[in-house]
């Protein structure tokens, strides 16, 4: 009886599963890189604009001081 049960139980087992496809990490990393590069570029432009505005203000102040000094002379 034992041998008959062992022979009967020795079949194949098939398991089927429905699984969601995995996340494509390459696409995710490329998207993150593109967002980072866009943010870095925007920050660079903002810094240049701020520096330019600061230099324009300094030039204006210096021109006013020059005019004032000439008038005093």
N, C-alpha and C. Protein backbone atom coordinates (compact mmCIF):
# COMPACT_ATOMS: atom_id res chain seq x y z
N UNK A 1 0.82 -1.20 0.00
CA UNK A 1 0.00 0.00 0.00
C UNK A 1 0.86 1.27 0.00
N UNK A 2 1.94 1.26 0.80
CA UNK A 2 2.84 2.42 0.88
C UNK A 2 3.46 2.69 -0.48
N UNK A 3 3.93 1.67 -1.15
CA UNK A 3 4.56 1.87 -2.45
C UNK A 3 3.54 2.38 -3.46
N UNK A 4 2.34 1.93 -3.40
CA UNK A 4 1.31 2.37 -4.32
C UNK A 4 0.98 3.84 -4.08
N UNK A 5 0.91 4.26 -2.81
CA UNK A 5 0.63 5.66 -2.48
C UNK A 5 1.79 6.57 -2.89
N UNK A 6 3.02 6.10 -2.70
CA UNK A 6 4.17 6.90 -3.09
C UNK A 6 4.21 7.09 -4.60
N UNK A 7 3.89 6.07 -5.34
CA UNK A 7 3.88 6.18 -6.80
C UNK A 7 2.76 7.10 -7.26
N UNK A 8 1.64 7.04 -6.61
CA UNK A 8 0.50 7.88 -6.98
C UNK A 8 0.75 9.34 -6.64
N UNK A 9 1.48 9.61 -5.58
CA UNK A 9 1.74 10.98 -5.13
C UNK A 9 2.93 11.61 -5.84
N UNK A 10 3.62 10.93 -6.68
CA UNK A 10 4.84 11.43 -7.31
C UNK A 10 4.58 12.22 -8.58
N UNK A 11 3.43 12.83 -8.77
CA UNK A 11 3.10 13.56 -9.98
C UNK A 11 3.72 14.96 -10.01
N UNK A 12 3.36 15.70 -11.03
CA UNK A 12 3.86 17.07 -11.18
C UNK A 12 2.86 18.05 -10.59
N UNK A 13 3.38 19.16 -10.13
CA UNK A 13 2.55 20.23 -9.59
C UNK A 13 2.80 21.48 -10.42
N UNK A 14 1.75 22.07 -10.96
CA UNK A 14 1.85 23.31 -11.72
C UNK A 14 1.09 24.39 -10.97
N UNK A 15 1.75 25.51 -10.78
CA UNK A 15 1.12 26.64 -10.10
C UNK A 15 1.13 27.83 -11.06
N UNK A 16 -0.03 28.41 -11.31
CA UNK A 16 -0.12 29.58 -12.15
C UNK A 16 -0.52 30.78 -11.30
N UNK A 17 0.14 31.90 -11.56
CA UNK A 17 -0.15 33.12 -10.80
C UNK A 17 -0.33 34.27 -11.76
N UNK A 18 -1.20 35.16 -11.41
CA UNK A 18 -1.32 36.42 -12.14
C UNK A 18 -0.59 37.47 -11.31
N UNK A 19 0.48 37.98 -11.86
CA UNK A 19 1.28 38.98 -11.13
C UNK A 19 1.38 40.25 -11.96
N UNK A 20 1.38 41.36 -11.28
CA UNK A 20 1.55 42.64 -11.96
C UNK A 20 2.97 42.73 -12.50
N UNK A 21 3.14 43.34 -13.66
CA UNK A 21 4.50 43.49 -14.19
C UNK A 21 5.33 44.40 -13.28
N UNK A 22 6.60 44.15 -13.24
CA UNK A 22 7.49 44.95 -12.40
C UNK A 22 7.67 46.36 -12.92
N UNK A 23 8.09 47.24 -12.06
CA UNK A 23 8.32 48.64 -12.43
C UNK A 23 9.63 48.72 -13.20
N UNK A 24 9.62 49.44 -14.32
CA UNK A 24 10.83 49.62 -15.11
C UNK A 24 11.68 50.71 -14.46
N UNK A 25 12.70 50.30 -13.74
CA UNK A 25 13.52 51.24 -12.98
C UNK A 25 14.33 52.16 -13.89
N UNK A 26 14.66 51.71 -15.08
CA UNK A 26 15.41 52.56 -16.01
C UNK A 26 14.58 53.78 -16.39
N UNK A 27 13.31 53.56 -16.69
CA UNK A 27 12.43 54.68 -17.05
C UNK A 27 12.28 55.62 -15.85
N UNK A 28 12.09 55.05 -14.68
CA UNK A 28 11.94 55.84 -13.46
C UNK A 28 13.18 56.70 -13.21
N UNK A 29 14.36 56.11 -13.34
CA UNK A 29 15.61 56.86 -13.12
C UNK A 29 15.81 57.94 -14.19
N UNK A 30 15.47 57.64 -15.43
CA UNK A 30 15.59 58.64 -16.50
C UNK A 30 14.67 59.82 -16.25
N UNK A 31 13.45 59.55 -15.78
CA UNK A 31 12.52 60.63 -15.46
C UNK A 31 13.05 61.48 -14.31
N UNK A 32 13.58 60.84 -13.28
CA UNK A 32 14.14 61.58 -12.14
C UNK A 32 15.32 62.44 -12.58
N UNK A 33 16.17 61.88 -13.45
CA UNK A 33 17.34 62.62 -13.94
C UNK A 33 16.89 63.84 -14.74
N UNK A 34 15.89 63.67 -15.59
CA UNK A 34 15.39 64.79 -16.40
C UNK A 34 14.81 65.89 -15.50
N UNK A 35 14.07 65.51 -14.47
CA UNK A 35 13.52 66.50 -13.54
C UNK A 35 14.64 67.24 -12.81
N UNK A 36 15.66 66.50 -12.37
CA UNK A 36 16.78 67.09 -11.66
C UNK A 36 17.53 68.07 -12.55
N UNK A 37 17.78 67.67 -13.81
CA UNK A 37 18.51 68.54 -14.73
C UNK A 37 17.71 69.81 -15.04
N UNK A 38 16.40 69.68 -15.19
CA UNK A 38 15.55 70.85 -15.44
C UNK A 38 15.58 71.79 -14.24
N UNK A 39 15.52 71.24 -13.05
CA UNK A 39 15.56 72.06 -11.83
C UNK A 39 16.92 72.75 -11.69
N UNK A 40 18.00 72.04 -12.00
CA UNK A 40 19.34 72.63 -11.92
C UNK A 40 19.48 73.77 -12.93
N UNK A 41 18.95 73.59 -14.13
CA UNK A 41 19.01 74.63 -15.15
C UNK A 41 18.21 75.86 -14.72
N UNK A 42 17.03 75.64 -14.16
CA UNK A 42 16.20 76.76 -13.69
C UNK A 42 16.91 77.51 -12.56
N UNK A 43 17.53 76.78 -11.64
CA UNK A 43 18.27 77.42 -10.55
C UNK A 43 19.45 78.23 -11.08
N UNK A 44 20.12 77.72 -12.11
CA UNK A 44 21.25 78.45 -12.71
C UNK A 44 20.76 79.76 -13.32
N UNK A 45 19.64 79.69 -14.07
CA UNK A 45 19.10 80.90 -14.68
C UNK A 45 18.65 81.91 -13.62
N UNK A 46 18.04 81.41 -12.55
CA UNK A 46 17.60 82.31 -11.48
C UNK A 46 18.80 82.99 -10.82
N UNK A 47 19.87 82.24 -10.60
CA UNK A 47 21.07 82.80 -9.98
C UNK A 47 21.70 83.86 -10.88
N UNK A 48 21.74 83.60 -12.19
CA UNK A 48 22.29 84.58 -13.11
C UNK A 48 21.45 85.84 -13.14
N UNK A 49 20.13 85.70 -13.12
CA UNK A 49 19.24 86.86 -13.13
C UNK A 49 19.40 87.67 -11.85
N UNK A 50 19.54 86.99 -10.73
CA UNK A 50 19.72 87.68 -9.44
C UNK A 50 21.04 88.43 -9.43
N UNK A 51 22.09 87.79 -9.93
CA UNK A 51 23.40 88.43 -9.98
C UNK A 51 23.36 89.64 -10.92
N UNK A 52 22.68 89.50 -12.05
CA UNK A 52 22.58 90.59 -13.01
C UNK A 52 21.82 91.77 -12.40
N UNK A 53 20.74 91.49 -11.70
CA UNK A 53 19.96 92.56 -11.06
C UNK A 53 20.80 93.25 -10.00
N UNK A 54 21.57 92.48 -9.26
CA UNK A 54 22.43 93.06 -8.22
C UNK A 54 23.50 93.95 -8.84
N UNK A 55 24.10 93.50 -9.94
CA UNK A 55 25.13 94.31 -10.61
C UNK A 55 24.52 95.58 -11.20
N UNK A 56 23.32 95.49 -11.78
CA UNK A 56 22.66 96.68 -12.32
C UNK A 56 22.40 97.70 -11.22
N UNK A 57 21.97 97.22 -10.05
CA UNK A 57 21.72 98.13 -8.93
C UNK A 57 23.01 98.79 -8.47
N UNK A 58 24.09 98.02 -8.42
CA UNK A 58 25.38 98.57 -7.99
C UNK A 58 25.87 99.61 -9.00
N UNK A 59 25.71 99.33 -10.30
CA UNK A 59 26.11 100.29 -11.33
C UNK A 59 25.32 101.58 -11.19
N UNK A 60 24.01 101.44 -10.96
CA UNK A 60 23.16 102.61 -10.81
C UNK A 60 23.58 103.44 -9.59
N UNK A 61 23.86 102.76 -8.48
CA UNK A 61 24.30 103.46 -7.27
C UNK A 61 25.64 104.17 -7.50
N UNK A 62 26.56 103.49 -8.17
CA UNK A 62 27.88 104.08 -8.42
C UNK A 62 27.77 105.28 -9.37
N UNK A 63 26.89 105.18 -10.35
CA UNK A 63 26.69 106.30 -11.28
C UNK A 63 26.13 107.50 -10.53
N UNK A 64 25.21 107.25 -9.62
CA UNK A 64 24.65 108.33 -8.81
C UNK A 64 25.71 108.96 -7.93
N UNK A 65 26.57 108.15 -7.35
CA UNK A 65 27.64 108.66 -6.50
C UNK A 65 28.63 109.48 -7.32
N UNK A 66 28.91 109.02 -8.54
CA UNK A 66 29.83 109.74 -9.42
C UNK A 66 29.25 111.11 -9.78
N UNK A 67 27.99 111.16 -10.11
CA UNK A 67 27.34 112.41 -10.45
C UNK A 67 27.35 113.36 -9.25
N UNK A 68 27.09 112.83 -8.09
CA UNK A 68 27.09 113.64 -6.88
C UNK A 68 28.49 114.21 -6.59
N UNK A 69 29.52 113.37 -6.77
CA UNK A 69 30.88 113.82 -6.54
C UNK A 69 31.29 114.89 -7.54
N UNK A 70 30.86 114.76 -8.79
CA UNK A 70 31.16 115.77 -9.81
C UNK A 70 30.48 117.11 -9.44
N UNK A 71 29.27 117.02 -9.00
CA UNK A 71 28.55 118.24 -8.63
C UNK A 71 29.23 118.94 -7.45
N UNK A 72 29.77 118.17 -6.52
CA UNK A 72 30.47 118.76 -5.39
C UNK A 72 31.73 119.46 -5.84
N UNK A 73 32.43 118.82 -6.80
CA UNK A 73 33.66 119.43 -7.29
C UNK A 73 33.35 120.72 -8.02
